[in-house]
Amino acid sequence: MKYAGIIENDIADSDDGISFSIWFQGCHFHCPGCHNQETWDFEGGKEIEYEALLEKIKEGLLANGVTRNLSLLGGEPLCKENRKYVSKIIHSLKSENKFDDVKIYCWTGYTKEELEKENDNNINYILQNIDTLVDGQFILEKRNITLKLRGSSNQRIWKKENGKLQLESE
């Protein structure tokens, strides 16, 4: 599989502490003004075996006795080429009690409704097991650098409440 980059102690890509952030390689959206254009090419990035990446994530989430959140970004983590890896990573973390306090954030250019409409097993699992979803494509004309977790005002934040992702009110 391919990834674009990792930040092991990321303070920008969560709203609740430090994150271990991974940028997946490849995106079909190609939003004008995207600040991660180097992640668009599915042939770019760094090659890594899935198991090696999973071990790196697991070690990073608990490094030095500090529990981090997991932030999944891109590129596009939920495109057909990447979603099975995202689902497998989340499933692996959810199967080990030592990661119970890890909050999972995911950014996608798809809307939650588009993802739900696909009725894809990997997507359904991801949506049921993440804590925060930031959805919608970046729109340069709606760029707003003052927004929490988002680059443009059309993007939405969904937070898990009572076991379901709920749209966060402004």
Protein backbone atom coordinates (compact mmCIF):
# COMPACT_ATOMS: atom_id res chain seq x y z
CA MET A 1 0.00 0.00 0.00
CA LYS A 2 1.02 3.64 -0.32
CA TYR A 3 0.99 6.53 2.08
CA ALA A 4 2.04 10.14 1.64
CA GLY A 5 3.31 10.92 5.11
CA ILE A 6 3.09 10.48 8.86
CA ILE A 7 3.30 12.94 11.74
CA GLU A 8 3.76 11.08 15.00
CA ASN A 9 2.98 14.02 17.31
CA ASP A 10 0.49 16.16 15.40
CA ILE A 11 -1.17 19.01 17.28
CA ALA A 12 -3.14 20.39 14.31
CA ASP A 13 -5.26 17.47 13.17
CA SER A 14 -7.58 16.86 16.11
CA ASP A 15 -9.46 19.04 18.53
CA ASP A 16 -8.62 16.91 21.55
CA GLY A 17 -4.93 16.42 22.22
CA ILE A 18 -2.10 15.00 20.16
CA SER A 19 -2.64 12.79 17.12
CA PHE A 20 -0.69 10.20 15.21
CA SER A 21 -1.60 11.35 11.70
CA ILE A 22 -1.30 9.40 8.48
CA TRP A 23 -1.88 10.80 5.00
CA PHE A 24 -3.05 8.19 2.51
CA GLN A 25 -1.78 8.44 -1.05
CA GLY A 26 -4.17 9.03 -3.93
CA CYS A 27 -7.17 11.25 -4.53
CA HIS A 28 -9.65 11.50 -7.38
CA PHE A 29 -11.08 14.91 -6.35
CA HIS A 30 -8.15 17.22 -7.22
CA CYS A 31 -9.76 20.20 -5.49
CA PRO A 32 -8.40 23.56 -6.75
CA GLY A 33 -6.31 25.12 -3.99
CA CYS A 34 -5.70 21.81 -2.20
CA HIS A 35 -2.71 22.09 0.12
CA ASN A 36 -1.88 18.38 -0.33
CA GLN A 37 -1.57 18.12 -4.11
CA GLU A 38 1.44 15.81 -3.73
CA THR A 39 -0.99 13.20 -2.35
CA TRP A 40 -3.17 13.06 -5.49
CA ASP A 41 -1.09 10.65 -7.59
CA PHE A 42 -1.87 7.03 -6.76
CA GLU A 43 1.62 6.11 -8.02
CA GLY A 44 3.31 8.64 -5.71
CA GLY A 45 4.03 8.45 -2.02
CA LYS A 46 5.88 5.77 -0.12
CA GLU A 47 5.34 2.04 -0.43
CA ILE A 48 4.83 0.11 2.81
CA GLU A 49 3.51 -3.31 3.69
CA TYR A 50 0.20 -3.06 5.52
CA GLU A 51 1.49 -4.99 8.57
CA ALA A 52 4.51 -2.68 8.87
CA LEU A 53 2.27 0.38 8.76
CA LEU A 54 -0.08 -1.11 11.34
CA GLU A 55 2.82 -1.77 13.71
CA LYS A 56 4.11 1.79 13.21
CA ILE A 57 0.63 3.15 14.02
CA LYS A 58 0.21 0.96 17.11
CA GLU A 59 3.63 1.91 18.47
CA GLY A 60 3.06 5.59 17.69
CA LEU A 61 -0.35 5.79 19.34
CA LEU A 62 1.09 4.86 22.75
CA ALA A 63 4.69 6.07 22.44
CA ASN A 64 6.36 7.36 25.62
CA GLY A 65 3.27 6.54 27.69
CA VAL A 66 1.16 9.19 25.92
CA THR A 67 -2.09 8.08 24.26
CA ARG A 68 -2.63 9.87 20.96
CA ASN A 69 -5.63 10.14 18.70
CA LEU A 70 -5.46 8.69 15.19
CA SER A 71 -6.05 11.10 12.30
CA LEU A 72 -6.67 9.66 8.82
CA LEU A 73 -6.14 12.18 6.05
CA GLY A 74 -5.07 12.37 2.44
CA GLY A 75 -5.17 12.30 -0.42
CA GLU A 76 -8.40 10.49 0.12
CA PRO A 77 -8.51 7.83 2.83
CA LEU A 78 -12.02 6.70 1.84
CA CYS A 79 -11.55 6.25 -1.91
CA LYS A 80 -12.04 2.71 -3.17
CA GLU A 81 -8.27 2.19 -3.33
CA ASN A 82 -7.68 3.06 0.36
CA ARG A 83 -10.84 2.23 2.30
CA LYS A 84 -10.04 -1.44 2.91
CA TYR A 85 -6.76 -0.45 4.60
CA VAL A 86 -8.50 2.20 6.71
CA SER A 87 -11.13 -0.35 7.73
CA LYS A 88 -8.49 -2.94 8.62
CA ILE A 89 -6.49 -0.44 10.68
CA ILE A 90 -9.57 0.61 12.64
CA HIS A 91 -10.66 -3.01 13.15
CA SER A 92 -7.23 -3.95 14.45
CA LEU A 93 -7.22 -1.06 16.93
CA LYS A 94 -10.78 -1.76 18.09
CA SER A 95 -9.88 -5.40 18.78
CA GLU A 96 -7.25 -4.43 21.40
CA ASN A 97 -8.35 -2.89 24.70
CA LYS A 98 -5.16 -0.88 25.03
CA PHE A 99 -6.43 1.43 22.26
CA ASP A 100 -9.86 2.09 23.85
CA ASP A 101 -8.95 5.71 24.65
CA VAL A 102 -7.76 6.47 21.10
CA LYS A 103 -10.17 8.75 19.25
CA ILE A 104 -10.25 8.28 15.50
CA TYR A 105 -10.61 11.26 13.16
CA CYS A 106 -11.13 10.95 9.41
CA TRP A 107 -11.15 13.61 6.68
CA THR A 108 -12.83 12.89 3.34
CA GLY A 109 -13.93 14.76 0.23
CA TYR A 110 -17.07 12.63 0.12
CA THR A 111 -20.12 13.69 2.08
CA LYS A 112 -21.40 11.36 4.77
CA GLU A 113 -24.57 10.88 2.74
CA GLU A 114 -22.60 9.85 -0.38
CA LEU A 115 -20.66 7.32 1.66
CA GLU A 116 -23.78 5.88 3.29
CA LYS A 117 -25.50 5.60 -0.09
CA GLU A 118 -22.69 3.33 -1.35
CA ASN A 119 -23.59 0.74 1.30
CA ASP A 120 -19.99 -0.53 1.15
CA ASN A 121 -19.01 -2.88 3.99
CA ASN A 122 -15.67 -1.14 4.61
CA ILE A 123 -17.26 2.32 4.61
CA ASN A 124 -20.10 1.19 6.88
CA TYR A 125 -17.58 -0.23 9.36
CA ILE A 126 -15.47 2.93 9.25
CA LEU A 127 -18.46 5.22 9.84
CA GLN A 128 -19.61 3.09 12.76
CA ASN A 129 -16.21 3.07 14.43
CA ILE A 130 -14.72 6.55 14.05
CA ASP A 131 -15.24 9.38 16.52
CA THR A 132 -15.07 12.34 14.14
CA LEU A 133 -15.70 12.68 10.42
CA VAL A 134 -14.88 15.84 8.51
CA ASP A 135 -16.66 15.58 5.17
CA GLY A 136 -16.92 17.47 1.89
CA GLN A 137 -14.50 18.61 -0.74
CA PHE A 138 -12.34 21.67 -0.18
CA ILE A 139 -13.81 24.61 -2.13
CA LEU A 140 -11.31 27.41 -2.68
CA GLU A 141 -14.03 30.08 -2.93
CA LYS A 142 -15.28 29.01 0.53
CA ARG A 143 -11.81 28.84 2.11
CA ASN A 144 -11.79 29.95 5.73
CA ILE A 145 -8.67 29.40 7.81
CA THR A 146 -10.48 30.28 11.05
CA LEU A 147 -12.65 27.14 10.98
CA LYS A 148 -11.96 24.27 13.35
CA LEU A 149 -10.66 21.15 11.53
CA ARG A 150 -11.79 22.39 8.11
CA GLY A 151 -10.42 24.38 5.21
CA SER A 152 -13.66 25.61 3.67
CA SER A 153 -17.07 26.52 5.06
CA ASN A 154 -18.97 23.82 3.12
CA GLN A 155 -17.14 21.07 4.99
CA ARG A 156 -18.91 19.58 7.99
CA ILE A 157 -17.87 18.00 11.27
CA TRP A 158 -19.66 14.87 12.46
CA LYS A 159 -19.04 13.72 16.06
CA LYS A 160 -20.01 10.40 17.59
CA GLU A 161 -22.82 10.80 20.10
CA ASN A 162 -24.78 7.88 21.50
CA GLY A 163 -23.00 5.53 19.12
CA LYS A 164 -23.82 7.47 15.92
CA LEU A 165 -22.18 10.26 13.97
CA GLN A 166 -24.14 13.45 14.55
CA LEU A 167 -23.65 16.76 12.74
CA GLU A 168 -21.88 19.18 15.03
CA SER A 169 -23.64 22.51 15.37
CA GLU A 170 -21.57 25.63 14.79
